N, C-alpha and C. Protein backbone atom coordinates (compact mmCIF):
# COMPACT_ATOMS: atom_id res chain seq x y z
N UNK A 1 107.42 137.34 56.99
CA UNK A 1 107.64 137.01 58.44
C UNK A 1 106.36 136.90 59.11
N UNK A 2 106.30 135.81 59.99
CA UNK A 2 105.09 135.56 60.73
C UNK A 2 105.07 136.14 62.05
N UNK A 3 103.97 136.64 62.56
CA UNK A 3 103.83 137.22 63.88
C UNK A 3 103.65 136.16 64.93
N UNK A 4 104.50 136.14 65.90
CA UNK A 4 104.35 135.20 66.99
C UNK A 4 103.81 135.86 68.17
N UNK A 5 102.65 135.26 68.76
CA UNK A 5 102.14 135.83 69.93
C UNK A 5 101.62 134.74 70.86
N UNK A 6 101.50 135.13 72.13
CA UNK A 6 101.05 134.13 73.11
C UNK A 6 99.52 134.25 73.36
N UNK A 7 98.74 133.15 73.12
CA UNK A 7 97.27 133.12 73.43
C UNK A 7 97.15 132.67 74.87
N UNK A 8 96.36 133.35 75.55
CA UNK A 8 96.00 133.02 77.02
C UNK A 8 94.62 132.70 77.14
N UNK A 9 94.31 131.39 77.56
CA UNK A 9 92.94 130.84 77.68
C UNK A 9 92.48 130.90 79.10
N UNK A 10 93.13 131.54 79.94
CA UNK A 10 92.86 131.51 81.32
C UNK A 10 91.87 132.66 81.73
N UNK A 11 91.90 133.05 82.95
CA UNK A 11 91.01 134.02 83.47
C UNK A 11 91.85 135.30 83.64
N UNK A 12 91.41 136.34 83.11
CA UNK A 12 92.17 137.60 83.26
C UNK A 12 92.36 137.99 84.67
N UNK A 13 93.64 138.27 85.01
CA UNK A 13 94.00 138.70 86.36
C UNK A 13 94.30 137.59 87.24
N UNK A 14 94.10 136.37 86.84
CA UNK A 14 94.34 135.15 87.74
C UNK A 14 95.79 134.88 87.78
N UNK A 15 96.37 134.55 88.90
CA UNK A 15 97.69 134.35 89.00
C UNK A 15 98.09 132.89 88.73
N UNK A 16 99.22 132.65 88.25
CA UNK A 16 99.60 131.32 87.87
C UNK A 16 99.78 130.48 89.17
N UNK A 17 99.24 129.16 89.07
CA UNK A 17 99.22 128.32 90.17
C UNK A 17 98.21 128.47 91.33
N UNK A 18 97.37 129.49 91.12
CA UNK A 18 96.34 129.77 92.16
C UNK A 18 95.06 129.25 91.72
N UNK A 19 94.45 128.29 92.40
CA UNK A 19 93.11 127.71 92.02
C UNK A 19 91.95 128.63 92.49
N UNK A 20 90.99 128.68 91.69
CA UNK A 20 89.69 129.32 92.14
C UNK A 20 88.92 128.49 93.02
N UNK A 21 88.18 129.09 93.93
CA UNK A 21 87.31 128.37 94.83
C UNK A 21 86.19 127.70 94.00
N UNK A 22 85.64 126.68 94.42
CA UNK A 22 84.61 125.88 93.68
C UNK A 22 83.34 126.27 94.38
N UNK A 23 82.32 125.85 93.63
CA UNK A 23 80.84 126.09 94.22
C UNK A 23 80.10 127.11 93.45
N UNK A 24 78.98 127.33 93.93
CA UNK A 24 78.10 128.42 93.29
C UNK A 24 78.79 129.82 93.63
N UNK A 25 78.86 130.46 92.54
CA UNK A 25 79.51 131.83 92.78
C UNK A 25 80.91 131.81 93.07
N UNK A 26 81.62 130.61 92.93
CA UNK A 26 83.00 130.59 93.29
C UNK A 26 83.24 130.47 94.80
N UNK A 27 82.26 130.04 95.57
CA UNK A 27 82.40 129.84 96.98
C UNK A 27 81.97 128.43 97.39
N UNK A 28 82.61 127.88 98.37
CA UNK A 28 82.12 126.63 99.07
C UNK A 28 81.22 127.00 100.23
N UNK A 29 80.37 126.07 100.65
CA UNK A 29 79.49 126.30 101.80
C UNK A 29 80.29 126.36 103.10
N UNK A 30 79.75 127.05 104.05
CA UNK A 30 80.45 127.18 105.38
C UNK A 30 80.58 125.86 106.02
N UNK A 31 79.56 124.87 105.84
CA UNK A 31 79.65 123.51 106.48
C UNK A 31 80.83 122.75 105.77
N UNK A 32 80.97 122.90 104.41
CA UNK A 32 81.90 122.22 103.80
C UNK A 32 83.29 122.67 104.16
N UNK A 33 83.47 123.94 104.27
CA UNK A 33 84.78 124.54 104.60
C UNK A 33 85.16 124.20 106.05
N UNK A 34 84.22 124.19 107.01
CA UNK A 34 84.40 123.92 108.29
C UNK A 34 84.89 122.45 108.50
N UNK A 35 84.10 121.46 107.78
CA UNK A 35 84.38 120.05 108.02
C UNK A 35 85.85 119.77 107.39
N UNK A 36 86.26 120.51 106.29
CA UNK A 36 87.47 120.30 105.74
C UNK A 36 88.60 120.80 106.63
N UNK A 37 88.35 121.93 107.31
CA UNK A 37 89.24 122.49 108.28
C UNK A 37 89.36 121.46 109.48
N UNK A 38 88.32 120.97 109.92
CA UNK A 38 88.42 120.00 111.08
C UNK A 38 89.12 118.66 110.72
N UNK A 39 88.91 118.22 109.42
CA UNK A 39 89.58 117.03 108.96
C UNK A 39 91.15 117.25 108.96
N UNK A 40 91.66 118.41 108.78
CA UNK A 40 93.10 118.60 108.78
C UNK A 40 93.73 118.66 110.15
N UNK A 41 92.84 118.83 111.20
CA UNK A 41 93.36 118.67 112.66
C UNK A 41 93.65 117.28 113.00
N UNK A 42 94.46 117.21 113.98
CA UNK A 42 94.67 115.92 114.57
C UNK A 42 93.42 115.48 115.32
N UNK A 43 93.08 114.07 115.14
CA UNK A 43 91.91 113.65 115.78
C UNK A 43 91.86 113.69 117.34
N UNK A 44 93.02 113.63 117.93
CA UNK A 44 92.96 113.73 119.31
C UNK A 44 92.65 115.06 119.83
N UNK A 45 92.81 116.02 118.97
CA UNK A 45 92.50 117.40 119.50
C UNK A 45 91.17 117.89 119.22
N UNK A 46 90.33 117.07 118.57
CA UNK A 46 88.97 117.39 118.30
C UNK A 46 87.95 117.07 119.34
N UNK A 47 86.99 117.92 119.55
CA UNK A 47 86.11 117.69 120.64
C UNK A 47 84.96 116.75 120.10
N UNK A 48 84.12 116.19 120.95
CA UNK A 48 83.07 115.40 120.55
C UNK A 48 82.09 116.07 119.54
N UNK A 49 81.84 117.33 119.80
CA UNK A 49 80.90 118.12 118.89
C UNK A 49 81.64 118.21 117.57
N UNK A 50 83.04 118.46 117.50
CA UNK A 50 83.70 118.54 116.20
C UNK A 50 83.58 117.28 115.43
N UNK A 51 83.70 116.15 116.07
CA UNK A 51 83.77 114.90 115.44
C UNK A 51 82.29 114.59 114.95
N UNK A 52 81.27 115.01 115.72
CA UNK A 52 79.88 114.78 115.19
C UNK A 52 79.63 115.58 114.05
N UNK A 53 80.18 116.83 113.86
CA UNK A 53 79.96 117.72 112.74
C UNK A 53 80.53 117.15 111.59
N UNK A 54 81.86 116.60 111.73
CA UNK A 54 82.59 116.04 110.59
C UNK A 54 81.85 114.75 110.12
N UNK A 55 81.48 113.85 111.09
CA UNK A 55 80.72 112.63 110.68
C UNK A 55 79.49 112.95 109.93
N UNK A 56 78.68 113.92 110.38
CA UNK A 56 77.41 114.21 109.82
C UNK A 56 77.62 114.72 108.37
N UNK A 57 78.62 115.59 108.23
CA UNK A 57 78.98 116.13 106.90
C UNK A 57 79.38 114.98 105.96
N UNK A 58 80.34 114.19 106.33
CA UNK A 58 80.82 113.07 105.46
C UNK A 58 79.65 112.17 105.17
N UNK A 59 78.84 111.75 106.10
CA UNK A 59 77.63 110.92 105.85
C UNK A 59 76.77 111.60 104.70
N UNK A 60 76.39 112.80 104.96
CA UNK A 60 75.51 113.48 104.08
C UNK A 60 76.09 113.51 102.63
N UNK A 61 77.49 113.80 102.51
CA UNK A 61 78.14 113.80 101.12
C UNK A 61 78.05 112.34 100.65
N UNK A 62 78.24 111.28 101.42
CA UNK A 62 78.31 109.88 100.93
C UNK A 62 76.83 109.61 100.38
N UNK A 63 75.87 109.94 101.20
CA UNK A 63 74.40 109.65 100.80
C UNK A 63 74.08 110.41 99.59
N UNK A 64 74.49 111.54 99.46
CA UNK A 64 74.23 112.45 98.26
C UNK A 64 74.81 111.84 97.04
N UNK A 65 76.03 111.22 97.19
CA UNK A 65 76.73 110.61 96.06
C UNK A 65 76.04 109.30 95.61
N UNK A 66 75.50 108.69 96.68
CA UNK A 66 74.83 107.43 96.30
C UNK A 66 73.53 107.66 95.46
N UNK A 67 72.85 108.79 95.88
CA UNK A 67 71.54 109.11 95.14
C UNK A 67 71.84 109.71 93.75
N UNK A 68 72.93 110.06 93.50
CA UNK A 68 73.30 110.89 92.19
C UNK A 68 73.11 109.87 90.98
N UNK A 69 72.14 110.01 90.16
CA UNK A 69 71.81 109.13 89.09
C UNK A 69 72.91 109.05 88.01
N UNK A 70 73.77 110.00 87.97
CA UNK A 70 74.84 109.85 86.91
C UNK A 70 75.83 108.90 87.37
N UNK A 71 76.10 108.61 88.60
CA UNK A 71 77.16 107.70 88.96
C UNK A 71 76.49 106.27 89.23
N UNK A 72 75.20 106.18 89.51
CA UNK A 72 74.68 104.85 89.71
C UNK A 72 74.50 104.01 88.44
N UNK A 73 74.48 104.61 87.37
CA UNK A 73 74.39 103.93 86.08
C UNK A 73 75.69 103.27 85.59
N UNK A 74 76.77 103.57 86.13
CA UNK A 74 78.03 103.11 85.71
C UNK A 74 78.11 101.47 85.83
N UNK A 75 77.66 101.08 87.04
CA UNK A 75 77.67 99.65 87.27
C UNK A 75 76.72 98.91 86.38
N UNK A 76 75.50 99.54 86.25
CA UNK A 76 74.55 98.92 85.35
C UNK A 76 74.98 98.75 83.92
N UNK A 77 75.73 99.71 83.44
CA UNK A 77 76.14 99.75 82.14
C UNK A 77 77.35 98.61 81.96
N UNK A 78 78.12 98.53 82.95
CA UNK A 78 79.25 97.48 82.97
C UNK A 78 78.58 96.06 82.93
N UNK A 79 77.60 95.89 83.82
CA UNK A 79 77.05 94.54 83.83
C UNK A 79 76.30 94.29 82.49
N UNK A 80 75.51 95.26 81.93
CA UNK A 80 74.82 95.05 80.70
C UNK A 80 75.80 94.77 79.52
N UNK A 81 77.01 95.36 79.54
CA UNK A 81 78.00 95.14 78.47
C UNK A 81 78.53 93.78 78.72
N UNK A 82 78.87 93.37 79.87
CA UNK A 82 79.47 91.98 80.10
C UNK A 82 78.36 90.93 79.68
N UNK A 83 77.18 91.10 80.12
CA UNK A 83 76.13 90.10 79.80
C UNK A 83 75.91 90.17 78.34
N UNK A 84 75.93 91.25 77.52
CA UNK A 84 75.75 91.28 76.16
C UNK A 84 76.82 90.47 75.40
N UNK A 85 78.10 90.58 75.98
CA UNK A 85 79.20 89.84 75.34
C UNK A 85 79.13 88.46 75.62
N UNK A 86 78.98 88.02 76.88
CA UNK A 86 79.25 86.61 77.29
C UNK A 86 77.90 85.90 77.69
N UNK A 87 76.83 86.68 77.93
CA UNK A 87 75.65 85.98 78.46
C UNK A 87 74.99 85.18 77.46
N UNK A 88 75.02 85.60 76.21
CA UNK A 88 74.32 84.76 75.15
C UNK A 88 75.11 83.45 75.00
N UNK A 89 76.39 83.40 75.01
CA UNK A 89 77.19 82.19 74.91
C UNK A 89 76.93 81.18 76.10
N UNK A 90 76.82 81.79 77.28
CA UNK A 90 76.67 81.01 78.38
C UNK A 90 75.13 80.44 78.31
N UNK A 91 74.20 81.19 78.06
CA UNK A 91 72.88 80.71 77.82
C UNK A 91 72.76 79.62 76.79
N UNK A 92 73.38 79.84 75.63
CA UNK A 92 73.34 78.87 74.65
C UNK A 92 73.99 77.53 75.09
N UNK A 93 75.01 77.64 75.88
CA UNK A 93 75.75 76.46 76.41
C UNK A 93 74.85 75.64 77.29
N UNK A 94 74.31 76.48 78.21
CA UNK A 94 73.33 75.75 79.18
C UNK A 94 72.19 75.22 78.55
N UNK A 95 71.50 75.93 77.62
CA UNK A 95 70.35 75.33 76.86
C UNK A 95 70.70 74.06 76.12
N UNK A 96 71.91 74.10 75.51
CA UNK A 96 72.34 72.93 74.70
C UNK A 96 72.58 71.78 75.62
N UNK A 97 73.13 72.01 76.79
CA UNK A 97 73.29 70.95 77.66
C UNK A 97 72.09 70.36 78.23
N UNK A 98 71.18 71.20 78.57
CA UNK A 98 69.86 70.80 79.03
C UNK A 98 69.13 70.08 77.82
N UNK A 99 69.17 70.47 76.73
CA UNK A 99 68.55 69.80 75.53
C UNK A 99 69.13 68.35 75.36
N UNK A 100 70.49 68.35 75.53
CA UNK A 100 71.12 66.94 75.33
C UNK A 100 70.81 66.12 76.44
N UNK A 101 70.75 66.56 77.58
CA UNK A 101 70.38 65.74 78.77
C UNK A 101 68.91 65.22 78.66
N UNK A 102 68.04 66.09 78.11
CA UNK A 102 66.63 65.74 77.95
C UNK A 102 66.47 64.67 76.83
N UNK A 103 67.25 64.78 75.82
CA UNK A 103 67.22 63.87 74.72
C UNK A 103 67.76 62.45 75.19
N UNK A 104 68.81 62.59 76.07
CA UNK A 104 69.39 61.37 76.61
C UNK A 104 68.41 60.71 77.47
N UNK A 105 67.56 61.34 78.21
CA UNK A 105 66.57 60.75 79.00
C UNK A 105 65.44 60.18 78.29
N UNK A 106 65.10 60.78 77.18
CA UNK A 106 64.08 60.22 76.35
C UNK A 106 64.52 58.86 75.65
N UNK A 107 65.71 58.92 75.20
CA UNK A 107 66.29 57.78 74.55
C UNK A 107 66.34 56.44 75.59
N UNK A 108 66.70 56.88 76.79
CA UNK A 108 66.80 55.72 77.74
C UNK A 108 65.38 55.19 78.12
N UNK A 109 64.34 56.13 78.16
CA UNK A 109 62.98 55.74 78.45
C UNK A 109 62.37 54.91 77.42
N UNK A 110 62.81 55.10 76.15
CA UNK A 110 62.15 54.43 75.11
C UNK A 110 62.63 53.05 74.92
């Protein structure tokens, strides 16, 4: 008879359905937490200072994402793959057409 047992790969003491906080040491920064709290509020209830804080935080996050080298290479790889597949055929076609036109001009000139 085989022994049947349940293996648990989670975190000891963690409750089902409860997510851990993210960030260094399991915490998010105060600025991040405050901006997310303000985003949940209705926009008409936000003061000018609150709106400035949220905009500043969102702009900083967007700029940081733009500077991340791991995400900027995705487009470059896609273009390189496309050009590798179709670029050679296009170049060969253009070169062939140019060579044919040049030969035609030489024949007309002779």
